[in-house]
Amino acid sequence: MIRKLSAGVYTYLPLGTRILNKVINIIREEMNKSGAIELFMPALQPLALIELSGRIDAFGDDLLRIKDRHKRDIALSPTHEEVITDLIKNEVSSYKQLPLILYQIQTKFRDEARPRFGVLRSKEFLMKDAYSFDIDIDGLNNSYQKMYDTYCRIFERCKLDFLAVEADSGAMGGDVSHEFMVPNENGEDVIVKCRSCDYSANIEKAESSPIVSDDNLELVELKEVSTPKMTTIKEVSEFLGIESNKMVKTLIYTYDSKNVAVLVRGDHGVNESKLAKVLSGNEIALADENTVVKLTNAPMGFAGPIGLKTQIIADQAVSILKNCVVGGNKADTHILNANQGRDFKIDKVSDIRYVTDGDRCPKCNDVLDVSHGIELGHVFKLGTRYSEPLGAK
């Protein structure tokens, strides 16, 4: 059905093209039924247009760029929010022309670092993208629900066992979005779903009920121990015979030329999407080794919160830990029986971790299951994310 030309680039053979056209026809029929109007936008767009929305950095190296013979910077479209907003700014002159939903089925380009899974993660791909323009929030909510329902009809007609999950908006922007997923153990997306209620989300968005502390546990005196060349949670856990959920990882991040220490439990991972929101949407990055050494007086792998002279943000699961293991801020050293409040101060407690299998549902408190899936589609409430910077009023 398909043949690979190069990494992430494929030819559809006659049979593959017939199948593709059947899917396109289903999508077009359902989009037209919803009242959306089809158009076709160029794949080439001025880089300056994307700069107006501030998304150049968000796309990073995924954005394919070229120069024309006049040395003007052009992007091969990864998506068309800026182009459609610029069009509407110049074509719609009255609120009486709204609401309006426009869509296209067109080739997109993204310079994926690791193209994989055939056409599921490729550099050149066909996508249906739709854009709604409304007078107010009520109109936005109505358009969002209309597209949500349309996607459901499309996937039902394709006989797919799909799931709509709460999602993080990522580079697109906005504050509400849903992804449509097909559960599949080979999928690269991670789904969190409650066993009892209707709660489901992708791993970037998923939340869980707060972990309850053991209030009866007595505080024990600090004890410094030697952990020679043991820089990972696994190594220290095995050496000390202490479970990783009784340990704390201290990670140093940078944002706006500032440093922040981030604490998560040893068996948890930092969710950088959540952390960025806690830091008011700032772009964040793990600090380099020189910064870590300067801040902690220790090589990487031995950072800890005790005596740290910087802002400390801790995940909720860390805030209730007692007698935990932390880095000693000294080479080859860890500290046992550390307790927040007594031994170190947390400046802010927030949900900044990835949900794990067996966590509790934030809605009904039953068990959450973590599985894999393939993303089929995504709907976003973008609000004025693009209309404001591009001057579409």
Foldseek 3Di string as FASTA:
>chain_A
DWDDPDQQDIDQDPVSVVVVVVLVVLLVVLCVVLVAAEDDDDQKDFPVLVVLLVLPVLLDQFWDWDADPVRGIITRAQDCPSPVLLVLLPPPDDLVVDWHKYKYWDKGATPDPHRDPHNLRGGIHTDIDMDTDHDDPVRLVVVLVSVVVSVVSSCVVVVAPKAWAWEDPRSLAADTKIFIWGFDQPFPWKKKAFPPDNHIHTQLPDDFDFDDADPPDDFDDKDKDFQAPDQALVSVCVVVVHDQQLAKDWFWKDFPNFIETEIDGRVWDFNVSVVCVVVVNTDMDTDDQVVQCVQLVEGHRQRFQFPGDGAYEYESSLQRRFQGKHHPSYHRMIMTGDHEPVGHDHPYYHHGTGDDFQGAHPPPGGGMHMHHTRTDDMGHSRDCSNCVSSVRD
